[in-house]
């Protein structure tokens, strides 16, 4: 497989707020060519999108999707500023992308889903994603979504909170943390990230001092996943990739072109497990090819310059058709 060097013409415009993770491996995995249609399901700040636009050129078509309308607009303008290709935008969950493409009679030659949270979201206290700064307990990627993390914490029963924190955060102290949350909220609502982080630290007790990561890391991940239905959306997209592969095998036209490459960047084991199983099923049923069983990881050099890439894993599959 040829590699793509982004050190020159393909390099995206620097964005001090967010560095695209594993850019070279992503472009290599997508392997898009001039004139093709490429889709970035999680446009974010447009780092990947801009580099993809440079690959497909002015005759190509770039389809961008994101839950955050502000990021989506930023990414689209960034890509169009770099290359005068056709750019289409879809605001909302990437689980709806296949339906929208079918309605528009469009086919994608390559798909990227970068499942990480944009640094601009994490670093903005007012978005409520991080325990590192105090802000409202929000965590909604789409600011117009009806349920915030504060709502979830206020209305979920203790067993429900335990399940969310255990299942989505893989937190061994989930029951104790949920009990702490319910005890405190009965007297006063939990409305800020600092309040929640303090409750989790309290549940950890003396263990907090010896914890490698901040004690609240897993709990915040769990609530973010639940608020944004991240695993439900991912599962929905993967199922539609499988349905597209079945359609291609039967010779029917669908939203993915024969031989389309689907690329996923995951950032925790729950996401990676879903993608790994879905790709294995494609290969097992003869609906696609998976070039490598093990995921691609970021280099030590990238981790040094962008520590948030540390947990990233890249997987790629080719859906039906020629490889």
C-alpha atoms as a PDB file:
ATOM      1  CA  UNK A   1       0.000   0.000   0.000  1.00  0.00           C
ATOM      2  CA  UNK A   2       1.519   3.372  -0.974  1.00  0.00           C
ATOM      3  CA  UNK A   3       1.971   5.922   1.779  1.00  0.00           C
ATOM      4  CA  UNK A   4       0.938   9.565   1.751  1.00  0.00           C
ATOM      5  CA  UNK A   5       3.431  12.190   2.877  1.00  0.00           C
ATOM      6  CA  UNK A   6       1.677  15.239   4.336  1.00  0.00           C
ATOM      7  CA  UNK A   7       4.873  17.179   4.944  1.00  0.00           C
ATOM      8  CA  UNK A   8       4.406  19.152   1.749  1.00  0.00           C
ATOM      9  CA  UNK A   9       1.465  19.776  -0.540  1.00  0.00           C
ATOM     10  CA  UNK A  10      -0.993  17.690   1.514  1.00  0.00           C
ATOM     11  CA  UNK A  11      -0.187  19.265   4.869  1.00  0.00           C
ATOM     12  CA  UNK A  12      -3.212  20.987   6.433  1.00  0.00           C
ATOM     13  CA  UNK A  13      -3.201  24.586   7.560  1.00  0.00           C
ATOM     14  CA  UNK A  14      -1.984  24.652  11.192  1.00  0.00           C
ATOM     15  CA  UNK A  15      -4.813  24.970  13.724  1.00  0.00           C
ATOM     16  CA  UNK A  16      -3.594  25.960  17.184  1.00  0.00           C
ATOM     17  CA  UNK A  17      -6.774  24.500  18.665  1.00  0.00           C
ATOM     18  CA  UNK A  18      -6.612  20.968  17.290  1.00  0.00           C
ATOM     19  CA  UNK A  19      -4.078  18.721  15.538  1.00  0.00           C
ATOM     20  CA  UNK A  20      -5.489  15.956  13.302  1.00  0.00           C
ATOM     21  CA  UNK A  21      -4.501  12.565  14.704  1.00  0.00           C
ATOM     22  CA  UNK A  22      -2.446  10.116  12.589  1.00  0.00           C
ATOM     23  CA  UNK A  23      -2.846  12.197   9.436  1.00  0.00           C
ATOM     24  CA  UNK A  24      -0.421  10.263   7.213  1.00  0.00           C
ATOM     25  CA  UNK A  25      -1.827   6.811   8.147  1.00  0.00           C
ATOM     26  CA  UNK A  26      -5.380   8.096   7.640  1.00  0.00           C
ATOM     27  CA  UNK A  27      -4.630   9.336   4.116  1.00  0.00           C
ATOM     28  CA  UNK A  28      -2.783   6.129   3.304  1.00  0.00           C
ATOM     29  CA  UNK A  29      -5.720   4.043   4.521  1.00  0.00           C
ATOM     30  CA  UNK A  30      -8.318   6.086   2.626  1.00  0.00           C
ATOM     31  CA  UNK A  31      -6.223   6.047  -0.584  1.00  0.00           C
ATOM     32  CA  UNK A  32      -8.480   8.566  -2.320  1.00  0.00           C
ATOM     33  CA  UNK A  33      -7.652   9.810  -5.799  1.00  0.00           C
ATOM     34  CA  UNK A  34      -8.404  13.009  -7.721  1.00  0.00           C
ATOM     35  CA  UNK A  35     -12.056  13.254  -8.706  1.00  0.00           C
ATOM     36  CA  UNK A  36     -13.343  10.793  -6.115  1.00  0.00           C
ATOM     37  CA  UNK A  37     -15.955  11.329  -3.405  1.00  0.00           C
ATOM     38  CA  UNK A  38     -14.690  11.160   0.165  1.00  0.00           C
ATOM     39  CA  UNK A  39     -16.629  11.433   3.401  1.00  0.00           C
ATOM     40  CA  UNK A  40     -15.437  12.656   6.801  1.00  0.00           C
ATOM     41  CA  UNK A  41     -18.148  11.632   9.261  1.00  0.00           C
ATOM     42  CA  UNK A  42     -16.623  13.595  12.145  1.00  0.00           C
ATOM     43  CA  UNK A  43     -15.295  16.760  10.554  1.00  0.00           C
ATOM     44  CA  UNK A  44     -14.280  18.468  13.799  1.00  0.00           C
ATOM     45  CA  UNK A  45     -11.917  21.349  13.088  1.00  0.00           C
ATOM     46  CA  UNK A  46     -11.254  20.128   9.552  1.00  0.00           C
ATOM     47  CA  UNK A  47      -7.648  18.960   9.842  1.00  0.00           C
ATOM     48  CA  UNK A  48      -8.338  15.631   8.160  1.00  0.00           C
ATOM     49  CA  UNK A  49     -10.939  17.205   5.861  1.00  0.00           C
ATOM     50  CA  UNK A  50      -8.505  19.749   4.453  1.00  0.00           C
ATOM     51  CA  UNK A  51      -5.869  17.101   3.744  1.00  0.00           C
ATOM     52  CA  UNK A  52      -8.481  14.848   2.105  1.00  0.00           C
ATOM     53  CA  UNK A  53      -9.630  17.780  -0.051  1.00  0.00           C
ATOM     54  CA  UNK A  54      -6.067  18.205  -1.276  1.00  0.00           C
ATOM     55  CA  UNK A  55      -6.044  14.512  -2.247  1.00  0.00           C
ATOM     56  CA  UNK A  56      -9.302  14.555  -4.233  1.00  0.00           C
ATOM     57  CA  UNK A  57      -8.561  17.915  -5.861  1.00  0.00           C
ATOM     58  CA  UNK A  58     -10.907  20.399  -7.490  1.00  0.00           C
ATOM     59  CA  UNK A  59     -12.743  17.668  -9.412  1.00  0.00           C
ATOM     60  CA  UNK A  60     -13.529  15.735  -6.226  1.00  0.00           C
ATOM     61  CA  UNK A  61     -16.427  15.871  -3.808  1.00  0.00           C
ATOM     62  CA  UNK A  62     -16.033  16.087  -0.027  1.00  0.00           C
ATOM     63  CA  UNK A  63     -18.925  15.234   2.291  1.00  0.00           C
ATOM     64  CA  UNK A  64     -18.589  16.479   5.866  1.00  0.00           C
ATOM     65  CA  UNK A  65     -20.684  15.590   8.900  1.00  0.00           C
ATOM     66  CA  UNK A  66     -20.492  16.681  12.541  1.00  0.00           C
ATOM     67  CA  UNK A  67     -22.736  16.963  15.585  1.00  0.00           C
ATOM     68  CA  UNK A  68     -21.310  20.382  16.398  1.00  0.00           C
ATOM     69  CA  UNK A  69     -22.640  22.910  13.836  1.00  0.00           C
ATOM     70  CA  UNK A  70     -19.912  25.438  14.645  1.00  0.00           C
ATOM     71  CA  UNK A  71     -17.160  22.891  13.993  1.00  0.00           C
ATOM     72  CA  UNK A  72     -18.902  21.698  10.825  1.00  0.00           C
ATOM     73  CA  UNK A  73     -19.018  25.220   9.406  1.00  0.00           C
ATOM     74  CA  UNK A  74     -15.368  25.809  10.359  1.00  0.00           C
ATOM     75  CA  UNK A  75     -14.257  22.532   8.732  1.00  0.00           C
ATOM     76  CA  UNK A  76     -16.166  23.200   5.509  1.00  0.00           C
ATOM     77  CA  UNK A  77     -14.688  26.684   5.117  1.00  0.00           C
ATOM     78  CA  UNK A  78     -11.217  25.364   5.899  1.00  0.00           C
ATOM     79  CA  UNK A  79     -11.449  22.642   3.243  1.00  0.00           C
ATOM     80  CA  UNK A  80     -12.880  24.994   0.614  1.00  0.00           C
ATOM     81  CA  UNK A  81     -10.193  27.574   1.316  1.00  0.00           C
ATOM     82  CA  UNK A  82      -7.546  24.933   0.624  1.00  0.00           C
ATOM     83  CA  UNK A  83      -9.092  23.376  -2.486  1.00  0.00           C
ATOM     84  CA  UNK A  84     -12.026  24.485  -4.631  1.00  0.00           C
ATOM     85  CA  UNK A  85     -13.660  21.068  -4.564  1.00  0.00           C
ATOM     86  CA  UNK A  86     -17.371  20.513  -4.015  1.00  0.00           C
ATOM     87  CA  UNK A  87     -18.110  20.381  -0.274  1.00  0.00           C
ATOM     88  CA  UNK A  88     -21.415  19.089   1.091  1.00  0.00           C
ATOM     89  CA  UNK A  89     -22.268  19.341   4.792  1.00  0.00           C
ATOM     90  CA  UNK A  90     -24.577  17.217   6.950  1.00  0.00           C
ATOM     91  CA  UNK A  91     -25.280  18.448  10.470  1.00  0.00           C
ATOM     92  CA  UNK A  92     -26.105  15.760  13.017  1.00  0.00           C
ATOM     93  CA  UNK A  93     -25.168  12.209  13.927  1.00  0.00           C
ATOM     94  CA  UNK A  94     -23.063  10.255  11.450  1.00  0.00           C
ATOM     95  CA  UNK A  95     -25.516   7.369  11.868  1.00  0.00           C
ATOM     96  CA  UNK A  96     -27.859   9.254   9.514  1.00  0.00           C
ATOM     97  CA  UNK A  97     -25.220   9.807   6.805  1.00  0.00           C
ATOM     98  CA  UNK A  98     -25.999   6.654   4.765  1.00  0.00           C
ATOM     99  CA  UNK A  99     -29.693   7.590   4.584  1.00  0.00           C
ATOM    100  CA  UNK A 100     -28.862  11.118   3.439  1.00  0.00           C
ATOM    101  CA  UNK A 101     -26.456   9.862   0.767  1.00  0.00           C
ATOM    102  CA  UNK A 102     -29.017   7.381  -0.550  1.00  0.00           C
ATOM    103  CA  UNK A 103     -31.636  10.137  -0.791  1.00  0.00           C
ATOM    104  CA  UNK A 104     -29.184  12.335  -2.700  1.00  0.00           C
ATOM    105  CA  UNK A 105     -28.098   9.424  -4.921  1.00  0.00           C
ATOM    106  CA  UNK A 106     -24.470   9.849  -3.831  1.00  0.00           C
ATOM    107  CA  UNK A 107     -21.737   7.240  -3.379  1.00  0.00           C
ATOM    108  CA  UNK A 108     -18.609   7.536  -1.278  1.00  0.00           C
ATOM    109  CA  UNK A 109     -15.299   6.039  -2.386  1.00  0.00           C
ATOM    110  CA  UNK A 110     -13.846   6.393   1.118  1.00  0.00           C
ATOM    111  CA  UNK A 111     -15.133   7.116   4.609  1.00  0.00           C
ATOM    112  CA  UNK A 112     -13.379   8.393   7.718  1.00  0.00           C
ATOM    113  CA  UNK A 113     -14.803   8.332  11.237  1.00  0.00           C
ATOM    114  CA  UNK A 114     -12.452   9.936  13.766  1.00  0.00           C
ATOM    115  CA  UNK A 115     -14.175   9.150  17.064  1.00  0.00           C
ATOM    116  CA  UNK A 116     -12.100  11.487  19.217  1.00  0.00           C
ATOM    117  CA  UNK A 117     -13.440  14.645  20.849  1.00  0.00           C
ATOM    118  CA  UNK A 118     -12.119  17.865  19.305  1.00  0.00           C
ATOM    119  CA  UNK A 119      -9.536  19.592  21.467  1.00  0.00           C
ATOM    120  CA  UNK A 120     -11.488  22.829  21.087  1.00  0.00           C
ATOM    121  CA  UNK A 121     -14.399  21.125  22.856  1.00  0.00           C
ATOM    122  CA  UNK A 122     -12.283  19.572  25.604  1.00  0.00           C
ATOM    123  CA  UNK A 123     -10.386  22.795  26.262  1.00  0.00           C
ATOM    124  CA  UNK A 124     -13.485  25.009  26.470  1.00  0.00           C
ATOM    125  CA  UNK A 125     -14.694  24.971  30.110  1.00  0.00           C
ATOM    126  CA  UNK A 126     -18.118  26.227  29.042  1.00  0.00           C
ATOM    127  CA  UNK A 127     -18.692  22.999  27.063  1.00  0.00           C
ATOM    128  CA  UNK A 128     -18.331  20.941  30.238  1.00  0.00           C
ATOM    129  CA  UNK A 129     -16.304  18.041  28.838  1.00  0.00           C
ATOM    130  CA  UNK A 130     -13.271  18.268  31.111  1.00  0.00           C
ATOM    131  CA  UNK A 131     -12.521  18.034  34.815  1.00  0.00           C
ATOM    132  CA  UNK A 132      -9.360  20.117  34.332  1.00  0.00           C
ATOM    133  CA  UNK A 133     -11.276  23.393  34.415  1.00  0.00           C
ATOM    134  CA  UNK A 134     -14.530  24.324  36.118  1.00  0.00           C
ATOM    135  CA  UNK A 135     -17.585  24.834  33.929  1.00  0.00           C
ATOM    136  CA  UNK A 136     -21.220  23.812  33.552  1.00  0.00           C
ATOM    137  CA  UNK A 137     -21.735  20.037  33.531  1.00  0.00           C
ATOM    138  CA  UNK A 138     -22.841  19.871  29.893  1.00  0.00           C
ATOM    139  CA  UNK A 139     -20.894  17.508  27.567  1.00  0.00           C
ATOM    140  CA  UNK A 140     -23.263  17.891  24.601  1.00  0.00           C
ATOM    141  CA  UNK A 141     -21.423  17.774  21.271  1.00  0.00           C
ATOM    142  CA  UNK A 142     -24.545  19.275  19.731  1.00  0.00           C
ATOM    143  CA  UNK A 143     -25.374  22.260  21.948  1.00  0.00           C
ATOM    144  CA  UNK A 144     -29.022  21.967  20.864  1.00  0.00           C
ATOM    145  CA  UNK A 145     -29.374  18.380  22.109  1.00  0.00           C
ATOM    146  CA  UNK A 146     -32.042  18.069  24.824  1.00  0.00           C
ATOM    147  CA  UNK A 147     -30.130  16.195  27.553  1.00  0.00           C
ATOM    148  CA  UNK A 148     -26.937  17.448  29.219  1.00  0.00           C
ATOM    149  CA  UNK A 149     -24.673  15.593  31.631  1.00  0.00           C
ATOM    150  CA  UNK A 150     -26.202  17.621  34.476  1.00  0.00           C
ATOM    151  CA  UNK A 151     -29.659  16.395  33.437  1.00  0.00           C
ATOM    152  CA  UNK A 152     -28.427  12.807  33.309  1.00  0.00           C
ATOM    153  CA  UNK A 153     -26.820  13.071  36.744  1.00  0.00           C
ATOM    154  CA  UNK A 154     -29.959  14.686  38.171  1.00  0.00           C
ATOM    155  CA  UNK A 155     -32.548  12.256  36.801  1.00  0.00           C
ATOM    156  CA  UNK A 156     -30.896   8.822  36.591  1.00  0.00           C
ATOM    157  CA  UNK A 157     -31.480   6.350  39.388  1.00  0.00           C
ATOM    158  CA  UNK A 158     -28.537   5.018  41.362  1.00  0.00           C
ATOM    159  CA  UNK A 159     -28.633   1.668  39.479  1.00  0.00           C
ATOM    160  CA  UNK A 160     -28.790   3.529  36.148  1.00  0.00           C
ATOM    161  CA  UNK A 161     -25.814   5.715  37.075  1.00  0.00           C
ATOM    162  CA  UNK A 162     -23.904   2.639  38.210  1.00  0.00           C
ATOM    163  CA  UNK A 163     -24.574   0.926  34.877  1.00  0.00           C
ATOM    164  CA  UNK A 164     -23.578   3.982  32.820  1.00  0.00           C
ATOM    165  CA  UNK A 165     -20.324   4.529  34.715  1.00  0.00           C
ATOM    166  CA  UNK A 166     -19.467   0.811  34.752  1.00  0.00           C
ATOM    167  CA  UNK A 167     -20.402   0.012  31.148  1.00  0.00           C
ATOM    168  CA  UNK A 168     -19.244   3.170  29.376  1.00  0.00           C
ATOM    169  CA  UNK A 169     -16.363   4.098  31.660  1.00  0.00           C
ATOM    170  CA  UNK A 170     -15.237   0.599  32.696  1.00  0.00           C
ATOM    171  CA  UNK A 171     -14.923   2.129  36.156  1.00  0.00           C
ATOM    172  CA  UNK A 172     -14.390  -0.450  38.964  1.00  0.00           C
ATOM    173  CA  UNK A 173     -15.750   1.970  41.588  1.00  0.00           C
ATOM    174  CA  UNK A 174     -18.934   2.730  39.636  1.00  0.00           C
ATOM    175  CA  UNK A 175     -21.313   1.738  42.427  1.00  0.00           C
ATOM    176  CA  UNK A 176     -19.520   3.850  45.017  1.00  0.00           C
ATOM    177  CA  UNK A 177     -19.362   6.864  42.688  1.00  0.00           C
ATOM    178  CA  UNK A 178     -23.065   6.565  41.821  1.00  0.00           C
ATOM    179  CA  UNK A 179     -23.919   6.364  45.517  1.00  0.00           C
ATOM    180  CA  UNK A 180     -21.907   9.539  46.163  1.00  0.00           C
ATOM    181  CA  UNK A 181     -23.683  11.364  43.335  1.00  0.00           C
ATOM    182  CA  UNK A 182     -27.159  10.420  44.587  1.00  0.00           C
ATOM    183  CA  UNK A 183     -26.310  11.327  48.181  1.00  0.00           C
ATOM    184  CA  UNK A 184     -25.136  14.812  47.225  1.00  0.00           C
ATOM    185  CA  UNK A 185     -27.809  15.603  44.622  1.00  0.00           C
ATOM    186  CA  UNK A 186     -30.558  14.840  47.137  1.00  0.00           C
ATOM    187  CA  UNK A 187     -29.449  17.980  48.974  1.00  0.00           C
ATOM    188  CA  UNK A 188     -28.218  20.151  46.105  1.00  0.00           C
ATOM    189  CA  UNK A 189     -28.054  19.719  42.294  1.00  0.00           C
ATOM    190  CA  UNK A 190     -24.670  18.855  40.777  1.00  0.00           C
ATOM    191  CA  UNK A 191     -24.182  21.494  38.113  1.00  0.00           C
ATOM    192  CA  UNK A 192     -20.446  21.923  37.479  1.00  0.00           C
ATOM    193  CA  UNK A 193     -17.556  19.776  36.313  1.00  0.00           C
ATOM    194  CA  UNK A 194     -15.569  20.633  39.441  1.00  0.00           C
ATOM    195  CA  UNK A 195     -18.399  19.417  41.695  1.00  0.00           C
ATOM    196  CA  UNK A 196     -18.609  16.088  39.899  1.00  0.00           C
ATOM    197  CA  UNK A 197     -14.831  15.626  39.792  1.00  0.00           C
ATOM    198  CA  UNK A 198     -14.692  16.281  43.532  1.00  0.00           C
ATOM    199  CA  UNK A 199     -17.368  13.658  44.214  1.00  0.00           C
ATOM    200  CA  UNK A 200     -15.456  11.070  42.198  1.00  0.00           C
ATOM    201  CA  UNK A 201     -12.199  11.903  43.965  1.00  0.00           C
ATOM    202  CA  UNK A 202     -14.009  11.535  47.290  1.00  0.00           C
ATOM    203  CA  UNK A 203     -15.270   8.090  46.246  1.00  0.00           C
ATOM    204  CA  UNK A 204     -11.705   7.051  45.440  1.00  0.00           C
ATOM    205  CA  UNK A 205     -10.474   8.130  48.857  1.00  0.00           C
ATOM    206  CA  UNK A 206      -6.747   7.444  49.447  1.00  0.00           C
ATOM    207  CA  UNK A 207      -6.566   5.586  46.099  1.00  0.00           C
ATOM    208  CA  UNK A 208      -6.815   8.927  44.301  1.00  0.00           C
ATOM    209  CA  UNK A 209      -3.224   9.788  45.220  1.00  0.00           C
ATOM    210  CA  UNK A 210      -1.865   6.631  43.580  1.00  0.00           C
ATOM    211  CA  UNK A 211      -4.106   6.694  40.486  1.00  0.00           C
ATOM    212  CA  UNK A 212      -2.089   7.116  37.271  1.00  0.00           C
ATOM    213  CA  UNK A 213      -4.887   9.128  35.664  1.00  0.00           C
ATOM    214  CA  UNK A 214      -7.256  11.612  37.258  1.00  0.00           C
ATOM    215  CA  UNK A 215      -9.877   9.632  39.227  1.00  0.00           C
ATOM    216  CA  UNK A 216     -12.698  11.307  37.276  1.00  0.00           C
ATOM    217  CA  UNK A 217     -11.395  10.254  33.833  1.00  0.00           C
ATOM    218  CA  UNK A 218     -13.575   7.160  33.456  1.00  0.00           C
ATOM    219  CA  UNK A 219     -16.700   8.765  34.916  1.00  0.00           C
ATOM    220  CA  UNK A 220     -16.472  11.771  32.598  1.00  0.00           C
ATOM    221  CA  UNK A 221     -15.935   9.459  29.611  1.00  0.00           C
ATOM    222  CA  UNK A 222     -18.985   7.424  30.599  1.00  0.00           C
ATOM    223  CA  UNK A 223     -21.281  10.415  30.941  1.00  0.00           C
ATOM    224  CA  UNK A 224     -20.047  11.919  27.658  1.00  0.00           C
ATOM    225  CA  UNK A 225     -20.713   8.653  25.824  1.00  0.00           C
ATOM    226  CA  UNK A 226     -24.191   8.410  27.339  1.00  0.00           C
ATOM    227  CA  UNK A 227     -25.145  12.051  26.692  1.00  0.00           C
ATOM    228  CA  UNK A 228     -24.148  11.841  23.018  1.00  0.00           C
ATOM    229  CA  UNK A 229     -25.154   8.191  22.436  1.00  0.00           C
ATOM    230  CA  UNK A 230     -21.694   7.661  20.981  1.00  0.00           C
ATOM    231  CA  UNK A 231     -21.693   3.868  20.979  1.00  0.00           C
ATOM    232  CA  UNK A 232     -25.243   3.708  19.625  1.00  0.00           C
ATOM    233  CA  UNK A 233     -24.285   5.981  16.730  1.00  0.00           C
ATOM    234  CA  UNK A 234     -21.111   3.982  16.043  1.00  0.00           C
ATOM    235  CA  UNK A 235     -23.001   0.694  16.088  1.00  0.00           C
ATOM    236  CA  UNK A 236     -25.593   2.180  13.736  1.00  0.00           C
ATOM    237  CA  UNK A 237     -22.946   3.321  11.244  1.00  0.00           C
ATOM    238  CA  UNK A 238     -21.148  -0.033  11.341  1.00  0.00           C
ATOM    239  CA  UNK A 239     -24.417  -1.882  10.701  1.00  0.00           C
ATOM    240  CA  UNK A 240     -25.091   0.318   7.692  1.00  0.00           C
ATOM    241  CA  UNK A 241     -21.592  -0.363   6.368  1.00  0.00           C
ATOM    242  CA  UNK A 242     -22.444  -4.071   6.583  1.00  0.00           C
ATOM    243  CA  UNK A 243     -25.772  -3.511   4.799  1.00  0.00           C
ATOM    244  CA  UNK A 244     -23.971  -1.586   2.060  1.00  0.00           C
ATOM    245  CA  UNK A 245     -21.483  -4.448   1.682  1.00  0.00           C
ATOM    246  CA  UNK A 246     -24.373  -6.901   1.288  1.00  0.00           C
ATOM    247  CA  UNK A 247     -25.955  -4.675  -1.356  1.00  0.00           C
ATOM    248  CA  UNK A 248     -22.661  -4.468  -3.269  1.00  0.00           C
ATOM    249  CA  UNK A 249     -22.332  -8.265  -3.136  1.00  0.00           C
ATOM    250  CA  UNK A 250     -25.772  -8.527  -4.767  1.00  0.00           C
ATOM    251  CA  UNK A 251     -24.831  -6.018  -7.461  1.00  0.00           C
ATOM    252  CA  UNK A 252     -27.056  -3.254  -6.129  1.00  0.00           C
ATOM    253  CA  UNK A 253     -26.067   0.401  -6.005  1.00  0.00           C
ATOM    254  CA  UNK A 254     -25.751   1.850  -2.513  1.00  0.00           C
ATOM    255  CA  UNK A 255     -24.148   4.724  -0.579  1.00  0.00           C
ATOM    256  CA  UNK A 256     -20.675   3.115  -0.648  1.00  0.00           C
ATOM    257  CA  UNK A 257     -18.927   2.462  -3.950  1.00  0.00           C
ATOM    258  CA  UNK A 258     -17.613  -1.063  -4.634  1.00  0.00           C
ATOM    259  CA  UNK A 259     -14.139  -1.251  -3.098  1.00  0.00           C
ATOM    260  CA  UNK A 260     -14.789   1.719  -0.812  1.00  0.00           C
ATOM    261  CA  UNK A 261     -12.394   2.032   2.101  1.00  0.00           C
ATOM    262  CA  UNK A 262     -13.863   2.677   5.536  1.00  0.00           C
ATOM    263  CA  UNK A 263     -11.431   4.032   8.122  1.00  0.00           C
ATOM    264  CA  UNK A 264     -12.091   4.334  11.848  1.00  0.00           C
ATOM    265  CA  UNK A 265      -9.964   6.091  14.458  1.00  0.00           C
ATOM    266  CA  UNK A 266     -10.927   4.894  17.938  1.00  0.00           C
ATOM    267  CA  UNK A 267      -9.766   6.229  21.287  1.00  0.00           C
ATOM    268  CA  UNK A 268     -10.910   3.683  23.864  1.00  0.00           C
ATOM    269  CA  UNK A 269     -11.496  -0.058  24.071  1.00  0.00           C
ATOM    270  CA  UNK A 270     -15.301   0.115  23.799  1.00  0.00           C
ATOM    271  CA  UNK A 271     -15.121   1.806  20.390  1.00  0.00           C
ATOM    272  CA  UNK A 272     -12.266  -0.348  19.133  1.00  0.00           C
ATOM    273  CA  UNK A 273     -14.070  -3.535  20.145  1.00  0.00           C
ATOM    274  CA  UNK A 274     -17.140  -2.596  18.095  1.00  0.00           C
ATOM    275  CA  UNK A 275     -15.084  -1.717  15.012  1.00  0.00           C
ATOM    276  CA  UNK A 276     -12.896  -4.826  15.309  1.00  0.00           C
ATOM    277  CA  UNK A 277     -15.918  -7.135  15.533  1.00  0.00           C
ATOM    278  CA  UNK A 278     -17.703  -5.439  12.642  1.00  0.00           C
ATOM    279  CA  UNK A 279     -14.663  -5.664  10.375  1.00  0.00           C
ATOM    280  CA  UNK A 280     -14.087  -9.295  11.345  1.00  0.00           C
ATOM    281  CA  UNK A 281     -17.689 -10.070  10.388  1.00  0.00           C
ATOM    282  CA  UNK A 282     -17.237  -8.402   6.994  1.00  0.00           C
ATOM    283  CA  UNK A 283     -14.181 -10.535   6.269  1.00  0.00           C
ATOM    284  CA  UNK A 284     -15.751 -13.711   7.655  1.00  0.00           C
ATOM    285  CA  UNK A 285     -18.817 -13.394   5.421  1.00  0.00           C
ATOM    286  CA  UNK A 286     -16.828 -12.450   2.322  1.00  0.00           C
ATOM    287  CA  UNK A 287     -18.254  -8.927   2.263  1.00  0.00           C
ATOM    288  CA  UNK A 288     -14.968  -7.072   2.582  1.00  0.00           C
ATOM    289  CA  UNK A 289     -11.248  -7.269   3.170  1.00  0.00           C
ATOM    290  CA  UNK A 290      -9.317  -6.224   6.255  1.00  0.00           C
ATOM    291  CA  UNK A 291      -5.669  -5.579   5.280  1.00  0.00           C
ATOM    292  CA  UNK A 292      -4.346  -5.948   8.831  1.00  0.00           C
ATOM    293  CA  UNK A 293      -5.770  -7.679  11.901  1.00  0.00           C
ATOM    294  CA  UNK A 294      -3.905  -5.390  14.277  1.00  0.00           C
ATOM    295  CA  UNK A 295      -4.660  -1.654  14.313  1.00  0.00           C
ATOM    296  CA  UNK A 296      -2.172   1.048  13.401  1.00  0.00           C
ATOM    297  CA  UNK A 297      -0.986   3.106  16.376  1.00  0.00           C
ATOM    298  CA  UNK A 298       0.517   6.608  16.465  1.00  0.00           C
ATOM    299  CA  UNK A 299       4.287   6.940  16.382  1.00  0.00           C
ATOM    300  CA  UNK A 300       6.248   7.953  19.450  1.00  0.00           C
ATOM    301  CA  UNK A 301       7.079  11.201  17.654  1.00  0.00           C
ATOM    302  CA  UNK A 302       3.391  12.029  17.203  1.00  0.00           C
ATOM    303  CA  UNK A 303       2.587  11.156  20.805  1.00  0.00           C
ATOM    304  CA  UNK A 304       5.375  13.487  21.919  1.00  0.00           C
ATOM    305  CA  UNK A 305       3.930  16.418  19.954  1.00  0.00           C
ATOM    306  CA  UNK A 306       0.247  15.514  20.441  1.00  0.00           C
ATOM    307  CA  UNK A 307      -0.235  13.547  23.692  1.00  0.00           C
ATOM    308  CA  UNK A 308      -3.967  13.173  23.035  1.00  0.00           C
ATOM    309  CA  UNK A 309      -3.133  10.798  20.175  1.00  0.00           C
ATOM    310  CA  UNK A 310      -1.669   8.266  22.616  1.00  0.00           C
ATOM    311  CA  UNK A 311      -4.728   5.999  22.801  1.00  0.00           C
ATOM    312  CA  UNK A 312      -5.647   6.217  19.095  1.00  0.00           C
ATOM    313  CA  UNK A 313      -6.056   3.079  16.997  1.00  0.00           C
ATOM    314  CA  UNK A 314      -6.679   3.065  13.254  1.00  0.00           C
ATOM    315  CA  UNK A 315      -8.528   0.258  11.492  1.00  0.00           C
ATOM    316  CA  UNK A 316      -9.436   0.040   7.807  1.00  0.00           C
ATOM    317  CA  UNK A 317     -11.623  -2.281   5.747  1.00  0.00           C
ATOM    318  CA  UNK A 318     -12.346  -2.465   2.014  1.00  0.00           C
ATOM    319  CA  UNK A 319     -16.029  -3.028   1.355  1.00  0.00           C
ATOM    320  CA  UNK A 320     -16.761  -5.445  -1.497  1.00  0.00           C
ATOM    321  CA  UNK A 321     -15.588  -4.836  -5.050  1.00  0.00           C
ATOM    322  CA  UNK A 322     -11.984  -4.509  -6.186  1.00  0.00           C
ATOM    323  CA  UNK A 323      -9.177  -3.846  -3.690  1.00  0.00           C
END
